[in-house]
Amino acid sequence: MLLSSLFLIFSLLLGFASYFFLRGKAAVFFPRQSQEKVEKAQRISTFYGISFLFCAICAILLMFYHPVKLALLFLGIVVTLILVLVVQLNFMLSGKK
């Protein structure tokens, strides 16, 4: 019961994150120096929005069927996705290509 509740909360958080990225509200994270970087930021934002939406749907499914190994694998994938996002944001804000 507790794991189901935690996956419900996690799916809501991932859903809000996907909404944040897909609606363009994540533009505050990306620098607006050139048109090329704006287009790259839009592609990155769309990719992470769709990825987080897929993860939210998977979390809803794991709410009902949650073997521990599958749940840990899913959490590892989400953490890796977030880590890659942070690294990409770091490179974009530092001005490196």
PDB file of N, CA and C in Angstrom:
ATOM      1  N   MET A   1       0.820  -1.192   0.000  1.00  0.00           N
ATOM      2  CA  MET A   1       0.000   0.000   0.000  1.00  0.00           C
ATOM      3  C   MET A   1       0.870   1.264   0.000  1.00  0.00           C
ATOM      4  N   LEU A   2       1.919   1.255   0.782  1.00  0.00           N
ATOM      5  CA  LEU A   2       2.796   2.418   0.855  1.00  0.00           C
ATOM      6  C   LEU A   2       3.512   2.650  -0.466  1.00  0.00           C
ATOM      7  N   LEU A   3       3.976   1.575  -1.103  1.00  0.00           N
ATOM      8  CA  LEU A   3       4.663   1.702  -2.384  1.00  0.00           C
ATOM      9  C   LEU A   3       3.721   2.229  -3.460  1.00  0.00           C
ATOM     10  N   SER A   4       2.475   1.816  -3.423  1.00  0.00           N
ATOM     11  CA  SER A   4       1.488   2.332  -4.375  1.00  0.00           C
ATOM     12  C   SER A   4       1.271   3.825  -4.176  1.00  0.00           C
ATOM     13  N   SER A   5       1.206   4.257  -2.939  1.00  0.00           N
ATOM     14  CA  SER A   5       1.036   5.684  -2.649  1.00  0.00           C
ATOM     15  C   SER A   5       2.244   6.489  -3.109  1.00  0.00           C
ATOM     16  N   LEU A   6       3.429   5.944  -2.902  1.00  0.00           N
ATOM     17  CA  LEU A   6       4.635   6.641  -3.330  1.00  0.00           C
ATOM     18  C   LEU A   6       4.720   6.736  -4.857  1.00  0.00           C
ATOM     19  N   PHE A   7       4.318   5.682  -5.542  1.00  0.00           N
ATOM     20  CA  PHE A   7       4.317   5.752  -7.004  1.00  0.00           C
ATOM     21  C   PHE A   7       3.250   6.704  -7.525  1.00  0.00           C
ATOM     22  N   LEU A   8       2.147   6.839  -6.822  1.00  0.00           N
ATOM     23  CA  LEU A   8       1.136   7.827  -7.206  1.00  0.00           C
ATOM     24  C   LEU A   8       1.701   9.245  -7.093  1.00  0.00           C
ATOM     25  N   ILE A   9       2.355   9.537  -5.995  1.00  0.00           N
ATOM     26  CA  ILE A   9       2.967  10.854  -5.808  1.00  0.00           C
ATOM     27  C   ILE A   9       4.061  11.085  -6.849  1.00  0.00           C
ATOM     28  N   PHE A  10       4.859  10.063  -7.117  1.00  0.00           N
ATOM     29  CA  PHE A  10       5.941  10.172  -8.098  1.00  0.00           C
ATOM     30  C   PHE A  10       5.385  10.397  -9.498  1.00  0.00           C
ATOM     31  N   SER A  11       4.283   9.721  -9.836  1.00  0.00           N
ATOM     32  CA  SER A  11       3.692   9.921 -11.158  1.00  0.00           C
ATOM     33  C   SER A  11       3.118  11.324 -11.292  1.00  0.00           C
ATOM     34  N   LEU A  12       2.560  11.869 -10.227  1.00  0.00           N
ATOM     35  CA  LEU A  12       2.073  13.249 -10.268  1.00  0.00           C
ATOM     36  C   LEU A  12       3.224  14.236 -10.464  1.00  0.00           C
ATOM     37  N   LEU A  13       4.328  14.016  -9.764  1.00  0.00           N
ATOM     38  CA  LEU A  13       5.492  14.893  -9.933  1.00  0.00           C
ATOM     39  C   LEU A  13       6.057  14.816 -11.350  1.00  0.00           C
ATOM     40  N   LEU A  14       6.135  13.621 -11.896  1.00  0.00           N
ATOM     41  CA  LEU A  14       6.616  13.471 -13.266  1.00  0.00           C
ATOM     42  C   LEU A  14       5.643  14.082 -14.268  1.00  0.00           C
ATOM     43  N   GLY A  15       4.350  13.993 -13.980  1.00  0.00           N
ATOM     44  CA  GLY A  15       3.355  14.619 -14.844  1.00  0.00           C
ATOM     45  C   GLY A  15       3.482  16.129 -14.845  1.00  0.00           C
ATOM     46  N   PHE A  16       3.693  16.708 -13.680  1.00  0.00           N
ATOM     47  CA  PHE A  16       3.895  18.157 -13.607  1.00  0.00           C
ATOM     48  C   PHE A  16       5.184  18.568 -14.316  1.00  0.00           C
ATOM     49  N   ALA A  17       6.234  17.749 -14.195  1.00  0.00           N
ATOM     50  CA  ALA A  17       7.492  18.050 -14.887  1.00  0.00           C
ATOM     51  C   ALA A  17       7.304  17.992 -16.396  1.00  0.00           C
ATOM     52  N   SER A  18       6.546  17.014 -16.881  1.00  0.00           N
ATOM     53  CA  SER A  18       6.322  16.930 -18.327  1.00  0.00           C
ATOM     54  C   SER A  18       5.489  18.109 -18.807  1.00  0.00           C
ATOM     55  N   TYR A  19       4.504  18.522 -18.038  1.00  0.00           N
ATOM     56  CA  TYR A  19       3.719  19.704 -18.391  1.00  0.00           C
ATOM     57  C   TYR A  19       4.608  20.941 -18.448  1.00  0.00           C
ATOM     58  N   PHE A  20       5.492  21.055 -17.480  1.00  0.00           N
ATOM     59  CA  PHE A  20       6.426  22.178 -17.396  1.00  0.00           C
ATOM     60  C   PHE A  20       7.305  22.253 -18.638  1.00  0.00           C
ATOM     61  N   PHE A  21       7.799  21.106 -19.090  1.00  0.00           N
ATOM     62  CA  PHE A  21       8.672  21.085 -20.257  1.00  0.00           C
ATOM     63  C   PHE A  21       7.898  21.207 -21.570  1.00  0.00           C
ATOM     64  N   LEU A  22       6.756  20.536 -21.694  1.00  0.00           N
ATOM     65  CA  LEU A  22       6.022  20.553 -22.957  1.00  0.00           C
ATOM     66  C   LEU A  22       5.339  21.889 -23.233  1.00  0.00           C
ATOM     67  N   ARG A  23       4.943  22.605 -22.226  1.00  0.00           N
ATOM     68  CA  ARG A  23       4.286  23.893 -22.426  1.00  0.00           C
ATOM     69  C   ARG A  23       5.269  25.048 -22.600  1.00  0.00           C
ATOM     70  N   GLY A  24       6.556  24.772 -22.539  1.00  0.00           N
ATOM     71  CA  GLY A  24       7.556  25.818 -22.771  1.00  0.00           C
ATOM     72  C   GLY A  24       7.866  26.660 -21.556  1.00  0.00           C
ATOM     73  N   LYS A  25       7.388  26.255 -20.418  1.00  0.00           N
ATOM     74  CA  LYS A  25       7.660  27.018 -19.198  1.00  0.00           C
ATOM     75  C   LYS A  25       9.087  26.784 -18.695  1.00  0.00           C
ATOM     76  N   ALA A  26       9.761  25.795 -19.266  1.00  0.00           N
ATOM     77  CA  ALA A  26      11.144  25.504 -18.887  1.00  0.00           C
ATOM     78  C   ALA A  26      12.121  26.409 -19.615  1.00  0.00           C
ATOM     79  N   ALA A  27      11.614  27.346 -20.391  1.00  0.00           N
ATOM     80  CA  ALA A  27      12.486  28.252 -21.142  1.00  0.00           C
ATOM     81  C   ALA A  27      13.316  29.135 -20.212  1.00  0.00           C
ATOM     82  N   VAL A  28      12.923  29.254 -18.969  1.00  0.00           N
ATOM     83  CA  VAL A  28      13.700  30.066 -18.029  1.00  0.00           C
ATOM     84  C   VAL A  28      15.052  29.426 -17.720  1.00  0.00           C
ATOM     85  N   PHE A  29      15.189  28.130 -17.982  1.00  0.00           N
ATOM     86  CA  PHE A  29      16.452  27.443 -17.725  1.00  0.00           C
ATOM     87  C   PHE A  29      17.479  27.660 -18.827  1.00  0.00           C
ATOM     88  N   PHE A  30      17.015  27.961 -20.032  1.00  0.00           N
ATOM     89  CA  PHE A  30      17.889  28.000 -21.198  1.00  0.00           C
ATOM     90  C   PHE A  30      18.263  29.430 -21.548  1.00  0.00           C
ATOM     91  N   PRO A  31      19.540  29.669 -21.870  1.00  0.00           N
ATOM     92  CA  PRO A  31      19.955  31.016 -22.279  1.00  0.00           C
ATOM     93  C   PRO A  31      19.430  31.343 -23.674  1.00  0.00           C
ATOM     94  N   ARG A  32      19.132  32.603 -23.912  1.00  0.00           N
ATOM     95  CA  ARG A  32      18.596  33.033 -25.209  1.00  0.00           C
ATOM     96  C   ARG A  32      19.632  33.894 -25.928  1.00  0.00           C
ATOM     97  N   GLN A  33      20.742  33.312 -26.257  1.00  0.00           N
ATOM     98  CA  GLN A  33      21.812  34.068 -26.881  1.00  0.00           C
ATOM     99  C   GLN A  33      21.696  34.096 -28.397  1.00  0.00           C
ATOM    100  N   SER A  34      21.323  33.015 -29.022  1.00  0.00           N
ATOM    101  CA  SER A  34      21.220  32.974 -30.471  1.00  0.00           C
ATOM    102  C   SER A  34      20.025  32.113 -30.863  1.00  0.00           C
ATOM    103  N   GLN A  35      19.621  32.253 -32.110  1.00  0.00           N
ATOM    104  CA  GLN A  35      18.484  31.481 -32.611  1.00  0.00           C
ATOM    105  C   GLN A  35      18.794  29.989 -32.597  1.00  0.00           C
ATOM    106  N   GLU A  36      20.038  29.634 -32.844  1.00  0.00           N
ATOM    107  CA  GLU A  36      20.447  28.227 -32.851  1.00  0.00           C
ATOM    108  C   GLU A  36      20.264  27.608 -31.459  1.00  0.00           C
ATOM    109  N   LYS A  37      20.645  28.361 -30.438  1.00  0.00           N
ATOM    110  CA  LYS A  37      20.502  27.835 -29.072  1.00  0.00           C
ATOM    111  C   LYS A  37      19.039  27.767 -28.653  1.00  0.00           C
ATOM    112  N   VAL A  38      18.210  28.678 -29.149  1.00  0.00           N
ATOM    113  CA  VAL A  38      16.785  28.639 -28.832  1.00  0.00           C
ATOM    114  C   VAL A  38      16.144  27.390 -29.447  1.00  0.00           C
ATOM    115  N   GLU A  39      16.508  27.086 -30.688  1.00  0.00           N
ATOM    116  CA  GLU A  39      15.980  25.885 -31.334  1.00  0.00           C
ATOM    117  C   GLU A  39      16.461  24.621 -30.627  1.00  0.00           C
ATOM    118  N   LYS A  40      17.720  24.614 -30.217  1.00  0.00           N
ATOM    119  CA  LYS A  40      18.251  23.454 -29.487  1.00  0.00           C
ATOM    120  C   LYS A  40      17.542  23.302 -28.145  1.00  0.00           C
ATOM    121  N   ALA A  41      17.278  24.412 -27.475  1.00  0.00           N
ATOM    122  CA  ALA A  41      16.579  24.364 -26.192  1.00  0.00           C
ATOM    123  C   ALA A  41      15.151  23.860 -26.373  1.00  0.00           C
ATOM    124  N   GLN A  42      14.503  24.217 -27.471  1.00  0.00           N
ATOM    125  CA  GLN A  42      13.151  23.723 -27.725  1.00  0.00           C
ATOM    126  C   GLN A  42      13.147  22.220 -27.968  1.00  0.00           C
ATOM    127  N   ARG A  43      14.142  21.727 -28.701  1.00  0.00           N
ATOM    128  CA  ARG A  43      14.238  20.283 -28.930  1.00  0.00           C
ATOM    129  C   ARG A  43      14.500  19.535 -27.628  1.00  0.00           C
ATOM    130  N   ILE A  44      15.396  20.080 -26.820  1.00  0.00           N
ATOM    131  CA  ILE A  44      15.708  19.441 -25.536  1.00  0.00           C
ATOM    132  C   ILE A  44      14.480  19.451 -24.634  1.00  0.00           C
ATOM    133  N   SER A  45      13.783  20.564 -24.607  1.00  0.00           N
ATOM    134  CA  SER A  45      12.593  20.694 -23.773  1.00  0.00           C
ATOM    135  C   SER A  45      11.508  19.708 -24.205  1.00  0.00           C
ATOM    136  N   THR A  46      11.317  19.568 -25.513  1.00  0.00           N
ATOM    137  CA  THR A  46      10.324  18.617 -26.015  1.00  0.00           C
ATOM    138  C   THR A  46      10.726  17.186 -25.693  1.00  0.00           C
ATOM    139  N   PHE A  47      11.994  16.860 -25.854  1.00  0.00           N
ATOM    140  CA  PHE A  47      12.461  15.511 -25.543  1.00  0.00           C
ATOM    141  C   PHE A  47      12.211  15.160 -24.079  1.00  0.00           C
ATOM    142  N   TYR A  48      12.581  16.065 -23.179  1.00  0.00           N
ATOM    143  CA  TYR A  48      12.395  15.769 -21.761  1.00  0.00           C
ATOM    144  C   TYR A  48      10.925  15.799 -21.360  1.00  0.00           C
ATOM    145  N   GLY A  49      10.132  16.620 -22.019  1.00  0.00           N
ATOM    146  CA  GLY A  49       8.697  16.613 -21.740  1.00  0.00           C
ATOM    147  C   GLY A  49       8.061  15.281 -22.087  1.00  0.00           C
ATOM    148  N   ILE A  50       8.393  14.758 -23.271  1.00  0.00           N
ATOM    149  CA  ILE A  50       7.855  13.462 -23.683  1.00  0.00           C
ATOM    150  C   ILE A  50       8.416  12.346 -22.809  1.00  0.00           C
ATOM    151  N   SER A  51       9.700  12.433 -22.465  1.00  0.00           N
ATOM    152  CA  SER A  51      10.315  11.405 -21.613  1.00  0.00           C
ATOM    153  C   SER A  51       9.664  11.375 -20.231  1.00  0.00           C
ATOM    154  N   PHE A  52       9.440  12.540 -19.641  1.00  0.00           N
ATOM    155  CA  PHE A  52       8.816  12.584 -18.327  1.00  0.00           C
ATOM    156  C   PHE A  52       7.354  12.144 -18.387  1.00  0.00           C
ATOM    157  N   LEU A  53       6.674  12.429 -19.482  1.00  0.00           N
ATOM    158  CA  LEU A  53       5.298  11.954 -19.634  1.00  0.00           C
ATOM    159  C   LEU A  53       5.263  10.436 -19.716  1.00  0.00           C
ATOM    160  N   PHE A  54       6.183   9.852 -20.488  1.00  0.00           N
ATOM    161  CA  PHE A  54       6.276   8.394 -20.564  1.00  0.00           C
ATOM    162  C   PHE A  54       6.593   7.796 -19.187  1.00  0.00           C
ATOM    163  N   CYS A  55       7.496   8.429 -18.453  1.00  0.00           N
ATOM    164  CA  CYS A  55       7.851   7.937 -17.120  1.00  0.00           C
ATOM    165  C   CYS A  55       6.668   8.057 -16.152  1.00  0.00           C
ATOM    166  N   ALA A  56       5.863   9.110 -16.307  1.00  0.00           N
ATOM    167  CA  ALA A  56       4.683   9.263 -15.454  1.00  0.00           C
ATOM    168  C   ALA A  56       3.679   8.146 -15.723  1.00  0.00           C
ATOM    169  N   ILE A  57       3.505   7.799 -16.990  1.00  0.00           N
ATOM    170  CA  ILE A  57       2.598   6.701 -17.331  1.00  0.00           C
ATOM    171  C   ILE A  57       3.130   5.383 -16.788  1.00  0.00           C
ATOM    172  N   CYS A  58       4.433   5.179 -16.893  1.00  0.00           N
ATOM    173  CA  CYS A  58       5.045   3.965 -16.328  1.00  0.00           C
ATOM    174  C   CYS A  58       4.891   3.923 -14.813  1.00  0.00           C
ATOM    175  N   ALA A  59       5.001   5.081 -14.154  1.00  0.00           N
ATOM    176  CA  ALA A  59       4.830   5.113 -12.700  1.00  0.00           C
ATOM    177  C   ALA A  59       3.402   4.775 -12.310  1.00  0.00           C
ATOM    178  N   ILE A  60       2.439   5.200 -13.133  1.00  0.00           N
ATOM    179  CA  ILE A  60       1.044   4.839 -12.854  1.00  0.00           C
ATOM    180  C   ILE A  60       0.855   3.335 -12.988  1.00  0.00           C
ATOM    181  N   LEU A  61       1.474   2.744 -14.005  1.00  0.00           N
ATOM    182  CA  LEU A  61       1.394   1.299 -14.165  1.00  0.00           C
ATOM    183  C   LEU A  61       2.076   0.571 -13.007  1.00  0.00           C
ATOM    184  N   LEU A  62       3.195   1.106 -12.545  1.00  0.00           N
ATOM    185  CA  LEU A  62       3.895   0.480 -11.421  1.00  0.00           C
ATOM    186  C   LEU A  62       3.138   0.647 -10.108  1.00  0.00           C
ATOM    187  N   MET A  63       2.175   1.548 -10.093  1.00  0.00           N
ATOM    188  CA  MET A  63       1.361   1.718  -8.899  1.00  0.00           C
ATOM    189  C   MET A  63       0.552   0.455  -8.622  1.00  0.00           C
ATOM    190  N   PHE A  64       0.142  -0.253  -9.684  1.00  0.00           N
ATOM    191  CA  PHE A  64      -0.686  -1.445  -9.528  1.00  0.00           C
ATOM    192  C   PHE A  64       0.128  -2.735  -9.568  1.00  0.00           C
ATOM    193  N   TYR A  65       1.227  -2.724 -10.284  1.00  0.00           N
ATOM    194  CA  TYR A  65       2.063  -3.910 -10.425  1.00  0.00           C
ATOM    195  C   TYR A  65       3.489  -3.470 -10.147  1.00  0.00           C
ATOM    196  N   HIS A  66       3.995  -3.750  -8.964  1.00  0.00           N
ATOM    197  CA  HIS A  66       5.295  -3.217  -8.580  1.00  0.00           C
ATOM    198  C   HIS A  66       6.227  -4.271  -7.977  1.00  0.00           C
ATOM    199  N   PRO A  67       6.801  -5.122  -8.842  1.00  0.00           N
ATOM    200  CA  PRO A  67       7.887  -5.954  -8.321  1.00  0.00           C
ATOM    201  C   PRO A  67       9.086  -5.059  -8.012  1.00  0.00           C
ATOM    202  N   VAL A  68       9.806  -5.405  -6.994  1.00  0.00           N
ATOM    203  CA  VAL A  68      10.861  -4.534  -6.477  1.00  0.00           C
ATOM    204  C   VAL A  68      11.960  -4.296  -7.511  1.00  0.00           C
ATOM    205  N   LYS A  69      12.362  -5.327  -8.234  1.00  0.00           N
ATOM    206  CA  LYS A  69      13.431  -5.151  -9.228  1.00  0.00           C
ATOM    207  C   LYS A  69      13.002  -4.197 -10.343  1.00  0.00           C
ATOM    208  N   LEU A  70      11.774  -4.319 -10.792  1.00  0.00           N
ATOM    209  CA  LEU A  70      11.279  -3.431 -11.843  1.00  0.00           C
ATOM    210  C   LEU A  70      11.148  -2.000 -11.325  1.00  0.00           C
ATOM    211  N   ALA A  71      10.711  -1.842 -10.096  1.00  0.00           N
ATOM    212  CA  ALA A  71      10.590  -0.507  -9.509  1.00  0.00           C
ATOM    213  C   ALA A  71      11.959   0.156  -9.366  1.00  0.00           C
ATOM    214  N   LEU A  72      12.953  -0.592  -8.931  1.00  0.00           N
ATOM    215  CA  LEU A  72      14.295  -0.035  -8.792  1.00  0.00           C
ATOM    216  C   LEU A  72      14.906   0.298 -10.152  1.00  0.00           C
ATOM    217  N   LEU A  73      14.653  -0.536 -11.142  1.00  0.00           N
ATOM    218  CA  LEU A  73      15.129  -0.249 -12.497  1.00  0.00           C
ATOM    219  C   LEU A  73      14.488   1.038 -13.028  1.00  0.00           C
ATOM    220  N   PHE A  74      13.205   1.186 -12.809  1.00  0.00           N
ATOM    221  CA  PHE A  74      12.496   2.384 -13.249  1.00  0.00           C
ATOM    222  C   PHE A  74      13.038   3.630 -12.547  1.00  0.00           C
ATOM    223  N   LEU A  75      13.238   3.555 -11.260  1.00  0.00           N
ATOM    224  CA  LEU A  75      13.778   4.697 -10.525  1.00  0.00           C
ATOM    225  C   LEU A  75      15.191   5.040 -10.985  1.00  0.00           C
ATOM    226  N   GLY A  76      15.982   4.032 -11.301  1.00  0.00           N
ATOM    227  CA  GLY A  76      17.321   4.275 -11.828  1.00  0.00           C
ATOM    228  C   GLY A  76      17.289   4.969 -13.178  1.00  0.00           C
ATOM    229  N   ILE A  77      16.355   4.587 -14.031  1.00  0.00           N
ATOM    230  CA  ILE A  77      16.214   5.238 -15.340  1.00  0.00           C
ATOM    231  C   ILE A  77      15.812   6.690 -15.173  1.00  0.00           C
ATOM    232  N   VAL A  78      14.876   6.963 -14.283  1.00  0.00           N
ATOM    233  CA  VAL A  78      14.425   8.346 -14.069  1.00  0.00           C
ATOM    234  C   VAL A  78      15.548   9.200 -13.482  1.00  0.00           C
ATOM    235  N   VAL A  79      16.289   8.655 -12.538  1.00  0.00           N
ATOM    236  CA  VAL A  79      17.404   9.407 -11.947  1.00  0.00           C
ATOM    237  C   VAL A  79      18.470   9.690 -12.996  1.00  0.00           C
ATOM    238  N   THR A  80      18.757   8.717 -13.866  1.00  0.00           N
ATOM    239  CA  THR A  80      19.727   8.925 -14.940  1.00  0.00           C
ATOM    240  C   THR A  80      19.240   9.989 -15.909  1.00  0.00           C
ATOM    241  N   LEU A  81      17.961   9.978 -16.232  1.00  0.00           N
ATOM    242  CA  LEU A  81      17.378  10.983 -17.114  1.00  0.00           C
ATOM    243  C   LEU A  81      17.511  12.388 -16.520  1.00  0.00           C
ATOM    244  N   ILE A  82      17.252  12.513 -15.251  1.00  0.00           N
ATOM    245  CA  ILE A  82      17.365  13.813 -14.585  1.00  0.00           C
ATOM    246  C   ILE A  82      18.827  14.256 -14.510  1.00  0.00           C
ATOM    247  N   LEU A  83      19.732  13.314 -14.256  1.00  0.00           N
ATOM    248  CA  LEU A  83      21.157  13.641 -14.205  1.00  0.00           C
ATOM    249  C   LEU A  83      21.659  14.135 -15.557  1.00  0.00           C
ATOM    250  N   VAL A  84      21.232  13.499 -16.639  1.00  0.00           N
ATOM    251  CA  VAL A  84      21.628  13.943 -17.976  1.00  0.00           C
ATOM    252  C   VAL A  84      21.059  15.324 -18.263  1.00  0.00           C
ATOM    253  N   LEU A  85      19.839  15.591 -17.813  1.00  0.00           N
ATOM    254  CA  LEU A  85      19.246  16.923 -17.976  1.00  0.00           C
ATOM    255  C   LEU A  85      20.073  17.986 -17.259  1.00  0.00           C
ATOM    256  N   VAL A  86      20.498  17.712 -16.061  1.00  0.00           N
ATOM    257  CA  VAL A  86      21.289  18.672 -15.297  1.00  0.00           C
ATOM    258  C   VAL A  86      22.638  18.923 -15.975  1.00  0.00           C
ATOM    259  N   VAL A  87      23.251  17.872 -16.490  1.00  0.00           N
ATOM    260  CA  VAL A  87      24.531  18.028 -17.182  1.00  0.00           C
ATOM    261  C   VAL A  87      24.345  18.848 -18.455  1.00  0.00           C
ATOM    262  N   GLN A  88      23.275  18.593 -19.215  1.00  0.00           N
ATOM    263  CA  GLN A  88      23.010  19.385 -20.424  1.00  0.00           C
ATOM    264  C   GLN A  88      22.756  20.845 -20.091  1.00  0.00           C
ATOM    265  N   LEU A  89      22.013  21.098 -19.037  1.00  0.00           N
ATOM    266  CA  LEU A  89      21.776  22.480 -18.630  1.00  0.00           C
ATOM    267  C   LEU A  89      23.078  23.162 -18.217  1.00  0.00           C
ATOM    268  N   ASN A  90      23.944  22.430 -17.547  1.00  0.00           N
ATOM    269  CA  ASN A  90      25.224  22.977 -17.135  1.00  0.00           C
ATOM    270  C   ASN A  90      26.066  23.377 -18.349  1.00  0.00           C
ATOM    271  N   PHE A  91      26.112  22.521 -19.367  1.00  0.00           N
ATOM    272  CA  PHE A  91      26.870  22.838 -20.570  1.00  0.00           C
ATOM    273  C   PHE A  91      26.255  24.005 -21.337  1.00  0.00           C
ATOM    274  N   MET A  92      24.938  24.079 -21.368  1.00  0.00           N
ATOM    275  CA  MET A  92      24.298  25.172 -22.086  1.00  0.00           C
ATOM    276  C   MET A  92      24.521  26.511 -21.384  1.00  0.00           C
ATOM    277  N   LEU A  93      24.494  26.499 -20.066  1.00  0.00           N
ATOM    278  CA  LEU A  93      24.667  27.742 -19.323  1.00  0.00           C
ATOM    279  C   LEU A  93      26.121  28.178 -19.262  1.00  0.00           C
ATOM    280  N   SER A  94      27.042  27.214 -19.395  1.00  0.00           N
ATOM    281  CA  SER A  94      28.457  27.592 -19.356  1.00  0.00           C
ATOM    282  C   SER A  94      28.950  28.114 -20.707  1.00  0.00           C
ATOM    283  N   GLY A  95      28.159  27.931 -21.753  1.00  0.00           N
ATOM    284  CA  GLY A  95      28.521  28.455 -23.064  1.00  0.00           C
ATOM    285  C   GLY A  95      29.323  27.494 -23.908  1.00  0.00           C
ATOM    286  N   LYS A  96      29.531  26.279 -23.460  1.00  0.00           N
ATOM    287  CA  LYS A  96      30.262  25.302 -24.259  1.00  0.00           C
ATOM    288  C   LYS A  96      29.327  24.668 -25.264  1.00  0.00           C
ATOM    289  N   LYS A  97      29.897  24.140 -26.347  1.00  0.00           N
ATOM    290  CA  LYS A  97      29.066  23.496 -27.382  1.00  0.00           C
ATOM    291  C   LYS A  97      28.929  22.035 -27.129  1.00  0.00           C
TER     292      LYS A  97
END
